[in-house]
Each structure stands twice: as C-alpha cells, then as structure tokens.
Amino acid sequence: MIFPTRGTRLLWAGMFLAAMLAFTRGAALAGEGPGKAATSKFDAPALARLIDKAIEKRLPAQKEAVSQLTDDAEFLRRAYLDITGVIPPADKARAFLDSKQPDKRARLIDELLASPDYGRHMGDIWQGLLMAQRDILTKGLRTEPLADWFAKGFNSNTPWDRQVTELLTSTGTQEQNGAITFFLGHRSADRLTDVVCRAFLGIQLQCAQCHNHPFTGWKRTEYWGMAAFFTKVDDGAPKKLFKGGAVPNVREASVIQAKKLPDSVVKTPPRFLGGEAPKLDSKAPYRPVLARWLTSAKNPYFARAMVNRVWAQYFGRGLVNPVDNLSEDSPPSHPELFDALTEQFISSGFDVKHLVRAICNSQAYQRASTPPGKSASGEALYASMKIKPLTPEQLFDSLGKVLGSPDSAKKRGKTRSGKVKGPGPGSRTAFVEFFRPSEGGDPDEYPVGIPQVLRLMNSDWMARTSVFVKQAVKSDQPPERNIETLFLSTLSRRPTAAENQRLKKYLQGNTSNQAKAYGDILWALLNCSEFSLNH
C-alpha cells in the first residue's frame, strides 16, 4: 500500500575571515544599535532576530522564492528529531497541535532542551564524530561510556570549552571516566591530532602528516608540533586492548612514548597550530597546556568550529560547508552572521543550549521544507529548510518509540569469564552499524538502499506492529480516531482527508480481521519515506 504522503512527495520532488570582528556588526544585524559592549550577551529572542536579519539580507527579493513558516505538525517533528533525536509520542503531538498558546513553539523548544534526550542525542552525535566505526569493530571497544559522558555534560549544559578541556585531559579507566574512551579509540599521537583538529578546530590537518599541505599551506612541522602534545599519552594496555585481561588506564607518562609513534614522525617540540611553542616542563603533562590554548576565547578556530557544527546539525548544512574545512577556500555563506554568532557564543560562556535555543526560535529554522517556486538557492541561502534523512540512531529510537525495543536486543553484560559481551543482532549498535552511510559518504544523501529497506520491512521487529495496535487502537472509537492515532504516533501529524478516506475504505474491506488491517496501516506508515525523513 502506498500513501500519497507529504514525505513521499518531498522525496521526489588569513586562513579564513577574522574570527572576532567588532560586536557592533552583530548589534547592527539585530537592530540593537552600535553602543553595545563587545562582551554583551543577547538573550535567545534577540539572537534569533539577529539570525533572521542576516538571513533576510541575502534572500531573493521575490517573496514567492521564500518558503512560508512551516505548519505546527512539521515543526513539532523537526524540533523533536533535531533536539532530542526521536519523534514525539502521540499524546504529545495531539496536545501540541490542539494548543492555542501563541508561544507554544518557544515553550516546546525549552521543554526539549530540558529533556534528558537532548544530552543523549548530542552524545550520539559526538561519539559518532570522534570514534571511527572501524576501530569499534576491530578492537572490541565499547563506545557507550563516551556517549554517556557527553550526554551528562550536554544535559547539565557544561560550557563547551570546559567539556572539551575535560575530554582532552581525561585520565583513568572507562568505568571511572567515560571520556578516556576517546584515547582508547585513537591510540597514537597522529590519530589524536587528526581527530582533534577536525572536530574541535574545523581543520583538515591530516594531509600535512607526511608532506607540506599543497592547498592550505600547513607544514609538516606544524602538524607534528600539534601531535607532540599527545606523545606522552599512555593507556597501559598491550597492542590489542583487553588482551590478557588488561584494563586500560589512560594517563600521561613523564616521558615520550616513542614506540607508539608512526614512521612518519618529525621530532619537534610541542607547538600551537599557527602559533608559538609554549615553555613546558618535560616531566609534566602536556595536554592541559594544549587544552587551555585550544579552548581559549582568543583561539581563532575553536568557537567558530562549534558554531558551524551546531548550525549544520539544525539546518542540514554549515555556514561553511563542509563543516570541517574552515579555510580561505571555503568562505562562509553569511560571513557577518558567522562572525556575530561566534562572538555571541563566546560572550555566552560557550553556552551550547543558548545557541540551540536561538537557532530553533528563528524564522529561518521554522521555514517549510517544501521549496517555493523553482528557486535553486533555497537551501544554500536558507529560503527553505533542507530535508534531512534520519540518522541510524534517530531511525532506531523512533521505531522503538512506536514498537518498543527489538526482541533480539541484548544489553551488554559480562560472561562468566568476565569478558564483555558483544551486541545482539537486534541491538542499537548493530542496527546503527548496518544503516550507517559508507565512510566518506555525503551525510546529506539518503543513505538507505535496498538491503536496508528489505531488512527493515522483513525484520522480526516490524512484526510487532500488532503489539502497538493492541495498545493504541480502541474498538469503541470510530475508525477516524484510530487512524489519527496511528498517524500521530508515526508521522506526528493528522491524516489528510484523502488519506482518511482511503484507509477507511481499506478497513471496511477487511472487517474480518480489523487488528491485522490496522497493523498493515501501521507497517506502511513506518516504512514510508516520510517516516525516515526529517523535513
């Protein structure tokens, strides 16, 4: 059965500019006047106005080329998926759609940012960003402790500079400190340098490991100057983690761990990227010195990199795209906005929730995803919202919101020998790995192919539609109400008149087994393109 749903139609259908410009530019964009001090922090509504004013300056003059604000149903689902990583339950969707409160969108944003699912979703994102999947598979390394560690920090709204500092200087075992998982996943100075520069500075430095970078101008000595800060990291484990029952314990040794350095190493003292070589005590830890420089408000890369990543998370593309290539060859689409948001992020004390709240309250974020007219500049200029495929984590959790956890999912535990069990075939880890886009693939592309579709459609998990139907469908309610419940539970909207009519007709033709008929409808909704897209 194919429904002509909205989602189905949608599927068819220097190195860079100065990081810290005068705050008067941001104030002028927001209409606050030039007299504000450089350290003034805008509240979320003012920062949202700043965003909209900057976006509007570059939008097409023709009104028909700019999408209108999205309807409540589309906004509801978008906000839930972007902020918490999972669709809303039916009762929340019904209450939001029925609410007449004029500020209900702002209230919803605040509610979602206060939800534990906000931190859990951010933990998923940053664990996935920092930990290469090939390492997880080949080393048997559990990454859940790192995701949990990030979740706790984001939920408590730990300032981003402090959270990154705690990560980069972390010590101990996984049980003591989930942050050290990062160092267990990247057990050499070069690997750590590559990931740190890409994730926290937005710089692709890895090409300078073996030769001077031909395009950006980075030198080998600059690469190894950064890598030198990690040369004393020791996890106390053999080459293969957990071999012989060894428990990795990350610390910083008093001497350089030469055996862990690759053949391409260039011996050079620690040096900040593009900056000076600090005076260091050779017997003292190096990482705290690096962390202080990296997370400083004066660092021209750190705040910009996070602003760009958060923006890309919510809009589907960064102000600089790709997000990890902040270079003069990739100028921002909205330079003044990028500068102003960076300044505001610093002024807020690196407050990630504040940045997210402002973005989600902006009209730019709340525009419909259906592009108006034939304008080709909608996504690049934010004239309409970009349609984003659900990440594997979002898809798994959203299916679980409806169907419950898969029967075959097994929680990690320990065998009698004390070894950690691997994930069951129906677990979240196995699902995420199977549905993950190929390495190096475009994250904006729809990643699900025939193998994934067939696995989902024919899975034992999908056979549990009858369990949900038994709980949600009421025999004493009219078909229209039950159909509405199924739509709200999956697509977070009410069915159109045409959809209602078609499904009532289907139910009338299957009166002998109404439970199965409702199960068929639910199965079709879960497998339609609209369910797997965030629009």
Protein backbone atom coordinates (compact mmCIF):
# COMPACT_ATOMS: atom_id res chain seq x y z
CA MET A 1 0.00 0.00 0.00
CA ILE A 2 1.41 3.41 -0.96
CA PHE A 3 0.09 6.58 0.61
CA PRO A 4 0.46 9.89 -1.21
CA THR A 5 2.06 11.40 1.90
CA ARG A 6 3.81 14.70 2.09
CA GLY A 7 7.14 12.98 2.72
CA THR A 8 6.78 10.84 -0.40
CA ARG A 9 6.24 13.97 -2.50
CA LEU A 10 9.21 15.63 -0.81
CA LEU A 11 11.50 12.73 -1.63
CA TRP A 12 10.68 13.05 -5.24
CA ALA A 13 10.38 16.20 -5.63
CA GLY A 14 44.06 34.99 6.62
CA MET A 15 43.11 31.02 6.64
CA PHE A 16 39.59 32.35 6.72
CA LEU A 17 37.82 35.57 7.63
CA ALA A 18 38.80 37.08 11.01
CA ALA A 19 37.22 35.20 13.88
CA MET A 20 36.47 38.11 16.13
CA LEU A 21 35.09 41.16 14.33
CA ALA A 22 33.74 44.15 16.24
CA PHE A 23 30.50 43.37 18.06
CA THR A 24 28.87 46.42 16.51
CA ARG A 25 28.41 44.40 13.33
CA GLY A 26 26.33 41.81 15.19
CA ALA A 27 24.42 44.53 17.03
CA ALA A 28 23.58 46.26 13.78
CA LEU A 29 22.28 42.99 12.32
CA ALA A 30 19.99 42.55 15.30
CA GLY A 31 18.84 46.16 15.30
CA GLU A 32 20.17 46.69 18.83
CA GLY A 33 22.29 49.73 17.93
CA PRO A 34 26.07 50.18 17.87
CA GLY A 35 26.51 51.13 21.50
CA LYS A 36 26.59 47.59 22.94
CA ALA A 37 29.79 46.46 24.58
CA ALA A 38 31.72 43.65 22.92
CA THR A 39 31.02 41.32 25.85
CA SER A 40 27.23 41.82 25.87
CA LYS A 41 25.21 38.65 25.54
CA PHE A 42 21.92 38.66 23.63
CA ASP A 43 19.03 36.69 25.04
CA ALA A 44 17.64 33.95 22.79
CA PRO A 45 14.91 36.06 21.12
CA ALA A 46 17.39 38.82 20.30
CA LEU A 47 19.87 36.33 18.92
CA ALA A 48 17.10 34.73 16.85
CA ARG A 49 16.31 38.17 15.41
CA LEU A 50 19.99 38.61 14.60
CA ILE A 51 19.91 35.34 12.68
CA ASP A 52 16.79 36.29 10.74
CA LYS A 53 18.01 39.75 9.85
CA ALA A 54 21.27 38.33 8.49
CA ILE A 55 19.49 35.60 6.51
CA GLU A 56 16.91 38.02 5.10
CA LYS A 57 19.63 40.27 3.71
CA ARG A 58 20.59 37.58 1.20
CA LEU A 59 17.20 36.08 0.44
CA PRO A 60 15.70 36.61 -3.01
CA ALA A 61 13.71 39.81 -3.39
CA GLN A 62 10.73 37.87 -4.74
CA LYS A 63 8.51 36.71 -1.90
CA GLU A 64 7.43 33.66 -3.86
CA ALA A 65 11.05 32.41 -3.74
CA VAL A 66 11.00 32.11 0.07
CA SER A 67 9.09 29.40 1.93
CA GLN A 68 6.48 30.37 4.49
CA LEU A 69 6.73 29.25 8.08
CA THR A 70 6.09 25.54 8.40
CA ASP A 71 2.90 24.23 9.97
CA ASP A 72 2.77 23.06 13.58
CA ALA A 73 2.99 19.35 12.74
CA GLU A 74 6.13 19.68 10.66
CA PHE A 75 7.73 21.98 13.23
CA LEU A 76 6.88 19.60 16.07
CA ARG A 77 8.51 16.61 14.40
CA ARG A 78 11.51 18.63 13.24
CA ALA A 79 12.17 20.06 16.71
CA TYR A 80 11.85 16.67 18.40
CA LEU A 81 14.22 14.97 15.94
CA ASP A 82 16.77 17.79 15.89
CA ILE A 83 16.86 18.45 19.63
CA THR A 84 16.17 15.02 21.13
CA GLY A 85 16.83 12.63 18.23
CA VAL A 86 13.44 10.90 18.40
CA ILE A 87 9.87 11.51 17.23
CA PRO A 88 7.24 12.70 19.74
CA PRO A 89 4.71 10.30 21.28
CA ALA A 90 1.14 10.56 20.03
CA ASP A 91 -0.23 12.25 23.15
CA LYS A 92 2.41 15.00 22.98
CA ALA A 93 1.74 15.51 19.28
CA ARG A 94 -2.02 15.75 19.80
CA ALA A 95 -1.65 18.21 22.68
CA PHE A 96 0.74 20.44 20.74
CA LEU A 97 -1.42 20.51 17.61
CA ASP A 98 -4.53 21.31 19.67
CA SER A 99 -2.84 24.00 21.77
CA LYS A 100 -3.84 27.62 21.13
CA GLN A 101 -0.95 29.16 23.06
CA PRO A 102 0.74 31.76 20.86
CA ASP A 103 4.19 30.92 22.26
CA LYS A 104 3.83 27.15 22.14
CA ARG A 105 6.81 26.71 19.80
CA ALA A 106 9.15 28.56 22.16
CA ARG A 107 7.75 26.56 25.07
CA LEU A 108 8.34 23.31 23.19
CA ILE A 109 11.96 24.24 22.46
CA ASP A 110 12.57 24.93 26.16
CA GLU A 111 10.89 21.66 27.14
CA LEU A 112 13.00 19.63 24.72
CA LEU A 113 16.25 21.29 25.79
CA ALA A 114 15.41 20.34 29.38
CA SER A 115 14.76 16.72 28.41
CA PRO A 116 17.40 14.04 29.14
CA ASP A 117 17.01 13.01 25.49
CA TYR A 118 18.71 16.26 24.44
CA GLY A 119 22.01 15.22 26.00
CA ARG A 120 21.62 11.63 24.86
CA HIS A 121 21.17 12.80 21.27
CA MET A 122 24.17 15.11 21.47
CA GLY A 123 26.16 12.25 22.98
CA ASP A 124 25.28 10.09 19.97
CA ILE A 125 26.41 12.83 17.60
CA TRP A 126 29.75 13.47 19.28
CA GLN A 127 30.54 9.83 19.95
CA GLY A 128 29.92 9.13 16.26
CA LEU A 129 32.04 12.11 15.24
CA LEU A 130 35.03 11.22 17.39
CA MET A 131 35.07 7.44 17.15
CA ALA A 132 35.72 5.75 13.82
CA GLN A 133 33.48 2.71 13.42
CA ARG A 134 36.31 0.56 12.09
CA ASP A 135 38.02 0.96 15.46
CA ILE A 136 34.94 -0.15 17.33
CA LEU A 137 34.62 -3.27 15.21
CA THR A 138 38.28 -4.30 15.18
CA LYS A 139 39.20 -3.50 18.78
CA GLY A 140 36.05 -4.54 20.58
CA LEU A 141 35.94 -1.14 22.20
CA ARG A 142 32.69 -0.10 23.85
CA THR A 143 31.85 3.50 22.94
CA GLU A 144 28.74 3.83 25.12
CA PRO A 145 30.77 5.29 28.01
CA LEU A 146 31.86 8.19 25.81
CA ALA A 147 28.30 8.83 24.61
CA ASP A 148 27.07 8.73 28.21
CA TRP A 149 29.84 11.11 29.29
CA PHE A 150 28.88 13.61 26.60
CA ALA A 151 25.18 13.21 27.44
CA LYS A 152 25.82 14.16 31.04
CA GLY A 153 27.80 17.24 30.02
CA PHE A 154 25.27 18.47 27.50
CA ASN A 155 22.31 17.88 29.82
CA SER A 156 23.98 19.84 32.61
CA ASN A 157 24.91 22.45 30.00
CA THR A 158 28.59 22.29 30.88
CA PRO A 159 30.26 25.11 28.91
CA TRP A 160 31.75 23.75 25.72
CA ASP A 161 35.26 24.97 26.50
CA ARG A 162 35.21 23.15 29.83
CA GLN A 163 33.75 19.98 28.36
CA VAL A 164 36.44 19.79 25.67
CA THR A 165 39.13 20.55 28.25
CA GLU A 166 37.90 17.68 30.44
CA LEU A 167 37.87 15.36 27.43
CA LEU A 168 41.38 16.22 26.25
CA THR A 169 42.88 15.94 29.75
CA SER A 170 40.91 12.85 30.85
CA THR A 171 42.60 10.05 32.79
CA GLY A 172 41.61 6.75 34.38
CA THR A 173 39.66 3.69 33.24
CA GLN A 174 36.42 3.56 31.29
CA GLU A 175 34.50 2.72 34.43
CA GLN A 176 35.98 5.73 36.21
CA ASN A 177 35.78 8.22 33.33
CA GLY A 178 33.93 7.59 30.07
CA ALA A 179 35.86 10.40 28.38
CA ILE A 180 39.01 8.28 28.16
CA THR A 181 37.23 6.14 25.55
CA PHE A 182 38.38 8.77 23.08
CA PHE A 183 42.03 7.94 23.77
CA LEU A 184 41.38 4.19 23.60
CA GLY A 185 39.90 4.66 20.14
CA HIS A 186 42.87 6.68 18.91
CA ARG A 187 45.99 5.21 20.46
CA SER A 188 48.64 7.24 18.64
CA ALA A 189 49.57 10.92 18.58
CA ASP A 190 48.88 11.28 14.85
CA ARG A 191 45.37 9.81 15.08
CA LEU A 192 44.55 12.05 18.02
CA THR A 193 45.83 15.11 16.17
CA ASP A 194 43.76 14.35 13.08
CA VAL A 195 40.50 14.00 15.04
CA VAL A 196 41.09 16.91 17.44
CA CYS A 197 41.87 19.34 14.62
CA ARG A 198 38.92 18.22 12.53
CA ALA A 199 36.31 18.04 15.32
CA PHE A 200 37.28 20.96 17.55
CA LEU A 201 39.04 23.35 15.17
CA GLY A 202 37.29 22.57 11.88
CA ILE A 203 40.64 22.00 10.18
CA GLN A 204 41.70 19.11 7.95
CA LEU A 205 45.31 18.81 9.02
CA GLN A 206 45.98 15.14 8.31
CA CYS A 207 47.44 15.77 4.84
CA ALA A 208 50.36 17.58 6.47
CA GLN A 209 51.44 14.46 8.37
CA CYS A 210 53.74 13.23 5.61
CA HIS A 211 54.25 16.34 3.47
CA ASN A 212 53.54 20.05 3.46
CA HIS A 213 49.85 20.56 2.65
CA PRO A 214 49.63 21.59 -1.04
CA PHE A 215 46.45 23.65 -0.69
CA THR A 216 46.19 25.17 2.78
CA GLY A 217 49.83 25.92 3.47
CA TRP A 218 50.09 23.80 6.63
CA LYS A 219 53.61 22.42 7.13
CA ARG A 220 54.74 19.03 8.42
CA THR A 221 56.45 20.74 11.32
CA GLU A 222 53.15 22.39 12.28
CA TYR A 223 51.37 19.04 12.18
CA TRP A 224 53.92 17.32 14.37
CA GLY A 225 54.13 20.34 16.64
CA MET A 226 50.45 19.74 17.46
CA ALA A 227 50.92 15.98 17.65
CA ALA A 228 53.75 16.43 20.16
CA PHE A 229 51.19 17.38 22.83
CA PHE A 230 49.89 13.78 22.71
CA THR A 231 53.21 11.92 22.62
CA LYS A 232 53.20 11.15 26.35
CA VAL A 233 49.69 9.64 26.46
CA ASP A 234 49.79 6.06 27.71
CA ASP A 235 46.85 3.70 28.25
CA GLY A 236 48.86 0.99 29.96
CA ALA A 237 47.49 -1.69 27.65
CA PRO A 238 49.16 -4.03 25.14
CA LYS A 239 48.85 -3.50 21.41
CA LYS A 240 45.50 -5.29 21.46
CA LEU A 241 43.13 -3.80 24.00
CA PHE A 242 41.92 -6.06 26.83
CA LYS A 243 44.46 -8.74 25.88
CA GLY A 244 45.23 -10.98 28.82
CA GLY A 245 42.58 -9.28 30.93
CA ALA A 246 44.44 -5.95 30.98
CA VAL A 247 42.27 -2.98 31.95
CA PRO A 248 43.32 0.15 30.01
CA ASN A 249 44.10 3.11 32.25
CA VAL A 250 44.81 6.38 30.44
CA ARG A 251 47.39 8.68 31.96
CA GLU A 252 50.18 10.95 30.82
CA ALA A 253 53.64 9.47 31.29
CA SER A 254 56.67 11.51 32.26
CA VAL A 255 58.46 10.59 29.03
CA ILE A 256 57.52 10.41 25.35
CA GLN A 257 56.01 7.07 24.30
CA ALA A 258 58.28 6.59 21.29
CA LYS A 259 57.03 3.07 20.49
CA LYS A 260 53.57 4.44 19.68
CA LEU A 261 54.81 6.99 17.12
CA PRO A 262 54.48 6.20 13.40
CA ASP A 263 57.40 6.11 10.98
CA SER A 264 56.34 9.45 9.51
CA VAL A 265 57.04 11.31 12.78
CA VAL A 266 59.01 14.55 12.69
CA LYS A 267 60.70 15.22 16.01
CA THR A 268 59.74 18.73 17.04
CA PRO A 269 58.74 20.35 20.33
CA PRO A 270 55.04 20.94 21.05
CA ARG A 271 53.77 23.99 19.19
CA PHE A 272 50.29 25.51 18.91
CA LEU A 273 48.88 25.35 15.40
CA GLY A 274 49.88 28.54 13.62
CA GLY A 275 51.34 29.89 16.86
CA GLU A 276 54.13 29.72 19.36
CA ALA A 277 55.90 26.90 21.14
CA PRO A 278 54.97 27.10 24.84
CA LYS A 279 57.51 26.57 27.60
CA LEU A 280 56.84 23.14 29.05
CA ASP A 281 58.15 21.05 31.89
CA SER A 282 59.28 17.88 30.12
CA LYS A 283 58.13 15.77 33.08
CA ALA A 284 54.74 17.46 33.49
CA PRO A 285 51.58 16.70 31.46
CA TYR A 286 51.39 18.38 28.06
CA ARG A 287 47.67 18.00 27.40
CA PRO A 288 46.43 20.66 29.88
CA VAL A 289 48.62 23.23 28.12
CA LEU A 290 47.14 22.28 24.74
CA ALA A 291 43.59 22.33 26.14
CA ARG A 292 44.00 25.85 27.54
CA TRP A 293 45.13 27.16 24.16
CA LEU A 294 42.62 25.17 22.13
CA THR A 295 39.56 26.23 24.15
CA SER A 296 40.58 29.85 24.65
CA ALA A 297 38.19 32.61 23.58
CA LYS A 298 41.16 34.05 21.68
CA ASN A 299 41.62 30.90 19.61
CA PRO A 300 40.51 31.84 16.07
CA TYR A 301 39.20 28.33 15.34
CA PHE A 302 37.55 26.78 18.41
CA ALA A 303 34.33 28.78 18.81
CA ARG A 304 33.78 29.05 15.05
CA ALA A 305 34.10 25.31 14.60
CA MET A 306 31.39 24.57 17.18
CA VAL A 307 29.04 27.29 15.90
CA ASN A 308 29.37 25.86 12.41
CA ARG A 309 28.72 22.29 13.58
CA VAL A 310 25.66 23.23 15.61
CA TRP A 311 24.29 25.26 12.71
CA ALA A 312 24.81 22.31 10.35
CA GLN A 313 23.09 19.98 12.80
CA TYR A 314 19.92 22.05 12.66
CA PHE A 315 19.96 23.30 9.07
CA GLY A 316 21.50 20.33 7.29
CA ARG A 317 24.48 22.36 6.06
CA GLY A 318 27.01 24.60 7.72
CA LEU A 319 27.57 28.30 7.24
CA VAL A 320 30.86 26.91 5.96
CA ASN A 321 30.39 23.69 4.05
CA PRO A 322 31.87 21.10 4.53
CA VAL A 323 31.80 21.78 8.25
CA ASP A 324 35.33 20.54 8.92
CA ASN A 325 37.01 22.73 6.30
CA LEU A 326 37.26 26.23 7.75
CA SER A 327 39.70 27.62 5.21
CA GLU A 328 40.01 30.52 2.81
CA ASP A 329 38.93 28.15 0.03
CA SER A 330 35.58 27.63 1.78
CA PRO A 331 34.16 31.06 2.61
CA PRO A 332 31.00 31.20 4.75
CA SER A 333 27.68 31.75 3.00
CA HIS A 334 26.86 34.51 5.52
CA PRO A 335 30.14 35.98 6.82
CA GLU A 336 28.62 38.65 9.08
CA LEU A 337 26.26 36.15 10.67
CA PHE A 338 29.06 33.66 11.24
CA ASP A 339 31.17 36.31 12.96
CA ALA A 340 28.27 37.54 15.10
CA LEU A 341 27.22 34.04 16.21
CA THR A 342 30.82 33.21 17.09
CA GLU A 343 31.11 36.38 19.17
CA GLN A 344 27.82 35.60 20.88
CA PHE A 345 28.84 32.00 21.59
CA ILE A 346 31.96 33.29 23.32
CA SER A 347 30.05 36.02 25.17
CA SER A 348 27.58 33.44 26.47
CA GLY A 349 30.42 31.46 28.05
CA PHE A 350 30.32 28.78 25.32
CA ASP A 351 26.69 28.01 26.17
CA VAL A 352 25.53 25.39 23.63
CA LYS A 353 21.90 25.34 24.80
CA HIS A 354 21.71 29.11 24.38
CA LEU A 355 22.91 28.80 20.78
CA VAL A 356 20.46 25.98 20.03
CA ARG A 357 17.56 27.86 21.62
CA ALA A 358 18.23 30.92 19.46
CA ILE A 359 18.55 28.89 16.26
CA CYS A 360 15.31 26.99 16.85
CA ASN A 361 13.38 30.17 17.66
CA SER A 362 14.44 31.83 14.40
CA GLN A 363 12.13 32.08 11.43
CA ALA A 364 14.93 30.71 9.28
CA TYR A 365 14.79 27.42 11.18
CA GLN A 366 10.98 27.36 11.17
CA ARG A 367 10.55 27.71 7.39
CA ALA A 368 8.80 24.95 5.48
CA SER A 369 10.91 22.35 3.72
CA THR A 370 8.87 22.46 0.55
CA PRO A 371 10.87 24.78 -1.74
CA PRO A 372 8.78 27.58 -3.24
CA GLY A 373 8.72 28.05 -6.99
CA LYS A 374 11.78 26.93 -8.91
CA SER A 375 14.41 28.74 -6.87
CA ALA A 376 17.69 26.80 -6.83
CA SER A 377 19.16 28.86 -4.00
CA GLY A 378 16.69 27.83 -1.29
CA GLU A 379 18.91 25.52 0.76
CA ALA A 380 22.15 27.49 0.36
CA LEU A 381 20.51 30.76 1.40
CA TYR A 382 18.07 29.16 3.87
CA ALA A 383 15.00 30.24 1.94
CA SER A 384 13.56 26.83 2.83
CA MET A 385 14.52 24.08 5.25
CA LYS A 386 16.73 21.29 3.96
CA ILE A 387 15.22 17.80 4.09
CA LYS A 388 17.48 15.59 6.20
CA PRO A 389 17.47 11.79 6.28
CA LEU A 390 17.16 10.35 9.76
CA THR A 391 20.46 9.17 11.19
CA PRO A 392 20.60 5.46 12.08
CA GLU A 393 20.29 6.41 15.75
CA GLN A 394 17.23 8.59 15.09
CA LEU A 395 15.62 5.84 13.00
CA PHE A 396 16.24 3.15 15.62
CA ASP A 397 14.98 5.26 18.51
CA SER A 398 11.94 6.47 16.58
CA LEU A 399 10.99 2.93 15.62
CA GLY A 400 11.49 1.98 19.25
CA LYS A 401 9.19 4.79 20.33
CA VAL A 402 6.41 3.02 18.41
CA LEU A 403 7.33 -0.66 18.53
CA GLY A 404 9.37 -0.87 21.73
CA SER A 405 12.85 -2.37 21.89
CA PRO A 406 13.58 -5.23 19.45
CA ASP A 407 13.02 -8.68 20.94
CA SER A 408 16.54 -9.70 19.94
CA ALA A 409 18.26 -6.74 21.57
CA LYS A 410 20.61 -7.77 24.31
CA LYS A 411 22.02 -5.43 26.89
CA ARG A 412 25.76 -5.60 27.24
CA GLY A 413 26.87 -7.60 30.21
CA LYS A 414 29.69 -9.88 31.25
CA THR A 415 30.18 -13.58 30.66
CA ARG A 416 31.34 -15.88 33.42
CA SER A 417 34.92 -15.29 32.27
CA GLY A 418 34.46 -11.55 32.79
CA LYS A 419 34.65 -10.65 29.10
CA VAL A 420 32.28 -8.02 27.75
CA LYS A 421 29.50 -9.40 25.59
CA GLY A 422 29.08 -8.06 22.09
CA PRO A 423 25.81 -6.52 20.96
CA GLY A 424 22.98 -8.78 19.93
CA PRO A 425 21.91 -8.84 16.25
CA GLY A 426 18.92 -6.64 17.03
CA SER A 427 20.70 -4.22 19.29
CA ARG A 428 21.04 -0.49 18.70
CA THR A 429 24.76 -0.85 17.99
CA ALA A 430 24.23 -3.48 15.29
CA PHE A 431 21.34 -1.52 13.76
CA VAL A 432 23.34 1.72 13.65
CA GLU A 433 26.30 0.00 12.02
CA PHE A 434 24.13 -1.65 9.35
CA PHE A 435 22.33 1.59 8.48
CA ARG A 436 25.36 3.87 8.75
CA PRO A 437 26.36 5.63 5.50
CA SER A 438 29.59 4.42 3.94
CA GLU A 439 32.75 6.08 5.19
CA GLY A 440 33.39 9.30 3.31
CA GLY A 441 29.82 9.39 2.01
CA ASP A 442 27.79 12.58 1.84
CA PRO A 443 25.82 12.86 5.12
CA ASP A 444 23.14 14.83 3.27
CA GLU A 445 22.41 11.97 0.88
CA TYR A 446 19.66 9.47 1.58
CA PRO A 447 21.74 6.53 2.85
CA VAL A 448 19.20 3.71 2.84
CA GLY A 449 19.45 1.29 -0.07
CA ILE A 450 17.70 -1.95 -0.97
CA PRO A 451 19.49 -4.10 1.67
CA GLN A 452 18.47 -1.75 4.47
CA VAL A 453 14.90 -1.39 3.22
CA LEU A 454 14.45 -5.16 2.90
CA ARG A 455 15.96 -5.77 6.33
CA LEU A 456 13.65 -3.23 7.91
CA MET A 457 10.50 -4.35 6.10
CA ASN A 458 11.05 -8.03 6.88
CA SER A 459 12.51 -7.76 10.37
CA ASP A 460 11.05 -9.53 13.39
CA TRP A 461 10.90 -6.10 14.98
CA MET A 462 8.46 -4.85 12.33
CA ALA A 463 6.25 -7.85 13.05
CA ARG A 464 5.49 -6.26 16.42
CA THR A 465 3.01 -3.84 14.88
CA SER A 466 0.24 -5.99 16.37
CA VAL A 467 1.52 -5.21 19.89
CA PHE A 468 1.22 -1.48 19.31
CA VAL A 469 -2.17 -1.82 17.61
CA LYS A 470 -3.50 -3.77 20.59
CA GLN A 471 -2.47 -0.94 22.91
CA ALA A 472 -3.37 2.07 20.75
CA VAL A 473 -6.40 1.07 18.70
CA LYS A 474 -9.69 1.14 20.62
CA SER A 475 -12.67 -0.85 19.38
CA ASP A 476 -15.07 1.65 20.97
CA GLN A 477 -13.62 4.53 18.95
CA PRO A 478 -14.55 5.45 15.36
CA PRO A 479 -12.03 4.47 12.65
CA GLU A 480 -11.13 8.13 12.08
CA ARG A 481 -9.85 8.44 15.66
CA ASN A 482 -7.80 5.23 15.46
CA ILE A 483 -6.30 6.22 12.12
CA GLU A 484 -5.42 9.60 13.58
CA THR A 485 -3.64 7.89 16.49
CA LEU A 486 -1.54 5.81 14.08
CA PHE A 487 -0.54 8.93 12.11
CA LEU A 488 0.28 10.95 15.22
CA SER A 489 2.36 8.06 16.59
CA THR A 490 4.47 7.75 13.44
CA LEU A 491 4.37 10.90 11.29
CA SER A 492 3.42 13.34 14.09
CA ARG A 493 0.54 14.74 12.05
CA ARG A 494 -3.09 14.06 11.36
CA PRO A 495 -4.03 12.32 8.11
CA THR A 496 -5.32 14.34 5.21
CA ALA A 497 -8.93 13.92 4.11
CA ALA A 498 -7.80 11.82 1.14
CA GLU A 499 -5.67 9.56 3.34
CA ASN A 500 -8.52 9.16 5.80
CA GLN A 501 -10.93 8.19 3.09
CA ARG A 502 -8.56 5.65 1.53
CA LEU A 503 -7.73 4.00 4.85
CA LYS A 504 -11.36 3.83 5.99
CA LYS A 505 -12.12 2.07 2.74
CA TYR A 506 -9.28 -0.37 3.40
CA LEU A 507 -10.64 -1.10 6.88
CA GLN A 508 -14.13 -1.65 5.51
CA GLY A 509 -12.72 -4.26 3.14
CA ASN A 510 -11.06 -6.16 5.99
CA THR A 511 -13.78 -6.35 8.61
CA SER A 512 -12.98 -9.98 9.44
CA ASN A 513 -9.64 -9.03 10.98
CA GLN A 514 -9.56 -5.37 11.97
CA ALA A 515 -6.44 -5.79 14.13
CA LYS A 516 -4.46 -7.08 11.16
CA ALA A 517 -5.79 -4.27 8.96
CA TYR A 518 -4.67 -1.63 11.44
CA GLY A 519 -1.34 -3.44 11.70
CA ASP A 520 -0.95 -3.22 7.92
CA ILE A 521 -1.59 0.52 8.06
CA LEU A 522 0.99 0.95 10.80
CA TRP A 523 3.52 -1.16 8.88
CA ALA A 524 3.03 1.03 5.79
CA LEU A 525 3.45 4.24 7.80
CA LEU A 526 6.67 3.03 9.41
CA ASN A 527 8.14 2.04 6.05
CA CYS A 528 7.10 5.08 4.03
CA SER A 529 9.67 7.70 3.10
CA GLU A 530 8.02 10.35 5.26
CA PHE A 531 8.88 8.41 8.41
CA SER A 532 12.59 8.17 7.54
CA LEU A 533 12.98 11.86 6.71
CA ASN A 534 13.26 14.97 8.86
CA HIS A 535 11.69 17.83 6.94
